[in-house]
Structure formats: C-alpha cells, structure tokens
Amino acid sequence: MKTEKEYEYWLASLHGISSAQKRLLKEIFHSARAVFNIEETARTSCWFLTETEKETLKAQQKETILDDKCRAWERARKQGICLTCWGDLDYPEKLIGIAKPPYAFFGTGTDCFSFSKVTAAIVGARDATAYGRQMAYEFGRELAKAGMEIVSGMARGIDAKGSGGCFCGGRQTLCGPWMRSGSLLP
C-alpha cells in the first residue's frame, strides 16, 4: 500500500503542470492520492488545465510510473531528504503568502522547513565557471557558519555548490521542487 507521501512525491515530480495547478488539484481533490486516482470525467472538469496538461496528467496516472516514483522517493528518503507539499503542516509559513509559492520543497535536517532563522538563497548559472562554483561553495559554507539557512534550486552549478557549502558549514538547506526523470537533481 502506497503512502500519501509517495503520492505527494509523484505529484511534485509531474512535469508540464505548474505549481499553481498542482495546488489547485490538491485543494479540489483533497489529497495527492485522490489526484492520482481521478478518472476521465473528473480530469476533464479541471477547467484550469489545458487539454495538453490533462493528457500529461493522464499519461502519468500509471502504476508503473508511480512505482518508479516510489523507488526514487525511497532512495531520497534513505539519504535524509524530507519533502513537504502545499497544505502540509510543515510547509514553510513564510512562503504561504507569496505570489507563486512552490507546490513542494525538499530539505535535509531536523525542522528543515521552519525558516526560523535568517534565510539566504544561493542561485546562479548551471554552467558556472570554476571560480563561480568555488565562490558559491564558500558563500554557502560561511553563511551556514554564521547561522543562516540556505535555500537552493538544486540545479547543478552555483545552486549545488552553495548547498554543498551549506552542508559543510553544518547547516540544513531547503530546496525547490525541480526534478527530472524521477530523480531529485536536474
């Protein structure tokens, strides 16, 4: 039997459907499990999805795809990755009121979604120079040592190096929902 968190991971990893649309789907159907199980009639009544997006959703509503996502989530969980999604009690309160809050966040560490400390974001080029990667790592490490929490997009390059520095500095990091092919990293 699949857990709700596995269904949440599935919904968070859907490409071609925006965070706003994922939030609406969850609000209308009340859970990610229910979104996975919606049938054609309910899917066609989703006025906020284009026909292409409805087809994308339908294509992803397969047990084999869900099983692949569950295995990917289990690997991530074993590495200490946590997931929070829109509507969860631990969804970052600071982000609920922003214009376009992400549907999901990944994080590491205890209480990783609290944003209780001063927070900084380290984001930049994926194809960064060696100097840019080094500086991002050092910024992440030094900001973490100073007690700041770091937010990252999890992309390769500047984002990844900033998060790596944060870990080295002994702090947790909070990462956005960007994933590809069932993995956590783009």
Protein backbone atom coordinates (compact mmCIF):
# COMPACT_ATOMS: atom_id res chain seq x y z
CA MET A 1 0.00 0.00 0.00
CA LYS A 2 1.39 3.38 -1.02
CA THR A 3 1.68 6.20 1.49
CA GLU A 4 0.31 9.70 0.94
CA LYS A 5 3.91 11.00 0.90
CA GLU A 6 4.67 8.72 -2.06
CA TYR A 7 1.70 10.17 -3.91
CA GLU A 8 2.89 13.67 -2.93
CA TYR A 9 6.29 12.89 -4.45
CA TRP A 10 4.55 11.69 -7.62
CA LEU A 11 2.50 14.90 -7.87
CA ALA A 12 5.52 17.11 -7.08
CA SER A 13 7.51 15.45 -9.86
CA LEU A 14 4.92 15.93 -12.62
CA HIS A 15 6.40 17.97 -15.45
CA GLY A 16 4.20 20.17 -17.59
CA ILE A 17 1.84 21.09 -14.76
CA SER A 18 2.63 24.24 -12.78
CA SER A 19 2.87 24.57 -9.01
CA ALA A 20 -0.32 26.65 -9.05
CA GLN A 21 -2.16 23.89 -10.92
CA LYS A 22 -0.81 21.23 -8.53
CA ARG A 23 -2.04 23.29 -5.57
CA LEU A 24 -5.49 23.56 -7.18
CA LEU A 25 -5.59 19.84 -7.91
CA LYS A 26 -4.75 19.04 -4.29
CA GLU A 27 -7.26 21.57 -2.95
CA ILE A 28 -10.07 20.28 -5.18
CA PHE A 29 -9.41 16.55 -4.72
CA HIS A 30 -8.09 16.88 -1.11
CA SER A 31 -5.01 14.65 -1.48
CA ALA A 32 -2.30 13.65 -3.93
CA ARG A 33 -3.61 10.06 -3.77
CA ALA A 34 -7.01 11.29 -4.96
CA VAL A 35 -5.35 13.28 -7.79
CA PHE A 36 -3.56 10.11 -8.92
CA ASN A 37 -6.86 8.22 -8.90
CA ILE A 38 -9.08 10.77 -10.67
CA GLU A 39 -10.87 9.39 -13.68
CA GLU A 40 -11.54 10.87 -17.10
CA THR A 41 -14.74 12.67 -16.08
CA ALA A 42 -13.08 14.45 -13.16
CA ARG A 43 -9.95 15.20 -15.18
CA THR A 44 -11.95 16.82 -18.00
CA SER A 45 -13.75 19.03 -15.46
CA CYS A 46 -10.44 20.61 -14.36
CA TRP A 47 -11.09 23.98 -16.04
CA PHE A 48 -7.63 25.27 -15.11
CA LEU A 49 -5.79 22.60 -17.13
CA THR A 50 -5.30 22.79 -20.89
CA GLU A 51 -6.01 19.72 -22.99
CA THR A 52 -2.26 19.08 -23.19
CA GLU A 53 -1.95 19.29 -19.40
CA LYS A 54 -4.89 16.91 -18.97
CA GLU A 55 -3.15 14.46 -21.30
CA THR A 56 0.09 14.88 -19.34
CA LEU A 57 -1.75 14.07 -16.11
CA LYS A 58 -3.46 11.05 -17.70
CA ALA A 59 -0.14 9.73 -19.03
CA GLN A 60 1.39 9.92 -15.54
CA GLN A 61 -1.51 8.11 -13.84
CA LYS A 62 0.00 4.67 -14.36
CA GLU A 63 1.01 2.24 -11.62
CA THR A 64 4.41 1.61 -13.28
CA ILE A 65 5.20 5.34 -13.19
CA LEU A 66 4.01 5.56 -9.59
CA ASP A 67 6.19 2.57 -8.67
CA ASP A 68 9.23 4.26 -10.26
CA LYS A 69 8.49 7.45 -8.31
CA CYS A 70 8.09 5.46 -5.09
CA ARG A 71 11.51 3.84 -5.58
CA ALA A 72 13.07 7.25 -6.27
CA TRP A 73 11.42 8.71 -3.16
CA GLU A 74 12.63 5.78 -1.04
CA ARG A 75 16.23 6.33 -2.22
CA ALA A 76 15.96 10.04 -1.40
CA ARG A 77 14.39 9.36 2.00
CA LYS A 78 17.21 6.96 2.89
CA GLN A 79 19.64 9.81 2.16
CA GLY A 80 17.90 12.01 4.71
CA ILE A 81 15.81 14.03 2.24
CA CYS A 82 12.50 15.35 3.57
CA LEU A 83 9.53 16.51 1.49
CA THR A 84 6.80 18.99 2.30
CA CYS A 85 3.98 19.94 -0.02
CA TRP A 86 1.32 22.63 -0.20
CA GLY A 87 -1.17 22.06 2.59
CA ASP A 88 1.21 20.09 4.82
CA LEU A 89 1.57 21.33 8.39
CA ASP A 90 5.32 21.81 7.94
CA TYR A 91 5.06 23.80 4.68
CA PRO A 92 7.15 26.98 5.25
CA GLU A 93 4.83 29.60 6.71
CA LYS A 94 6.90 32.43 5.22
CA LEU A 95 6.05 31.15 1.74
CA ILE A 96 2.31 30.64 2.04
CA GLY A 97 1.55 34.27 1.27
CA ILE A 98 3.91 34.84 -1.66
CA ALA A 99 2.53 35.33 -5.17
CA LYS A 100 3.56 31.95 -6.61
CA PRO A 101 4.51 29.54 -3.82
CA PRO A 102 6.08 26.26 -4.96
CA TYR A 103 3.96 23.16 -4.61
CA ALA A 104 6.74 21.22 -2.89
CA PHE A 105 10.08 21.61 -1.14
CA PHE A 106 12.84 19.18 -0.33
CA GLY A 107 15.08 19.65 2.67
CA THR A 108 17.55 17.99 4.97
CA GLY A 109 18.00 18.16 8.71
CA THR A 110 15.59 18.38 11.59
CA ASP A 111 12.94 21.05 11.33
CA CYS A 112 14.24 21.84 7.84
CA PHE A 113 11.09 23.65 6.73
CA SER A 114 10.75 26.06 9.63
CA PHE A 115 12.63 29.06 8.18
CA SER A 116 13.06 30.12 11.80
CA LYS A 117 16.45 31.70 11.14
CA VAL A 118 17.61 34.38 8.73
CA THR A 119 17.47 32.83 5.27
CA ALA A 120 19.59 33.36 2.16
CA ALA A 121 19.25 31.99 -1.35
CA ILE A 122 22.23 30.95 -3.44
CA VAL A 123 21.21 30.59 -7.07
CA GLY A 124 23.00 31.08 -10.35
CA ALA A 125 24.26 29.57 -13.56
CA ARG A 126 24.20 25.84 -14.16
CA ASP A 127 27.26 26.05 -16.39
CA ALA A 128 29.22 28.14 -13.93
CA THR A 129 32.92 28.84 -14.07
CA ALA A 130 35.27 27.16 -11.62
CA TYR A 131 35.59 30.50 -9.82
CA GLY A 132 31.79 30.87 -9.60
CA ARG A 133 31.38 27.35 -8.20
CA GLN A 134 34.14 27.94 -5.64
CA MET A 135 32.63 31.25 -4.51
CA ALA A 136 29.14 29.73 -4.22
CA TYR A 137 30.57 26.94 -2.07
CA GLU A 138 32.43 29.42 0.15
CA PHE A 139 29.38 31.69 0.47
CA GLY A 140 27.23 28.69 1.43
CA ARG A 141 29.75 27.50 4.00
CA GLU A 142 30.33 30.91 5.58
CA LEU A 143 26.65 31.86 5.66
CA ALA A 144 25.90 28.50 7.30
CA LYS A 145 28.64 29.03 9.87
CA ALA A 146 27.05 32.42 10.62
CA GLY A 147 23.78 30.59 11.39
CA MET A 148 21.80 31.29 8.22
CA GLU A 149 19.55 28.81 6.49
CA ILE A 150 20.16 28.39 2.76
CA VAL A 151 17.53 27.97 0.04
CA SER A 152 18.58 26.41 -3.26
CA GLY A 153 17.06 25.49 -6.58
CA MET A 154 19.04 22.20 -6.52
CA ALA A 155 20.35 22.74 -10.04
CA ARG A 156 23.90 21.80 -10.92
CA GLY A 157 26.45 24.60 -10.84
CA ILE A 158 26.03 27.53 -8.47
CA ASP A 159 22.94 26.15 -6.67
CA ALA A 160 24.54 22.78 -5.95
CA LYS A 161 27.82 24.29 -4.77
CA GLY A 162 26.01 26.74 -2.49
CA SER A 163 24.08 23.87 -0.91
CA GLY A 164 27.27 21.83 -0.60
CA GLY A 165 28.96 24.68 1.23
CA CYS A 166 25.95 24.98 3.50
CA PHE A 167 26.20 21.29 4.44
CA CYS A 168 29.94 21.69 5.05
CA GLY A 169 29.17 24.66 7.29
CA GLY A 170 26.94 22.44 9.38
CA ARG A 171 23.52 23.81 8.37
CA GLN A 172 20.48 22.45 6.65
CA THR A 173 19.28 23.55 3.26
CA LEU A 174 15.84 23.87 1.75
CA CYS A 175 15.48 23.04 -1.91
CA GLY A 176 12.87 23.79 -4.52
CA PRO A 177 10.90 21.18 -6.37
CA TRP A 178 12.88 20.88 -9.57
CA MET A 179 13.33 17.26 -10.59
CA ARG A 180 13.86 15.22 -13.72
CA SER A 181 13.25 11.57 -14.54
CA GLY A 182 12.27 10.61 -11.02
CA SER A 183 15.49 11.93 -9.52
CA LEU A 184 15.85 14.87 -7.22
CA LEU A 185 18.51 16.68 -9.19
CA PRO A 186 18.15 18.20 -12.66
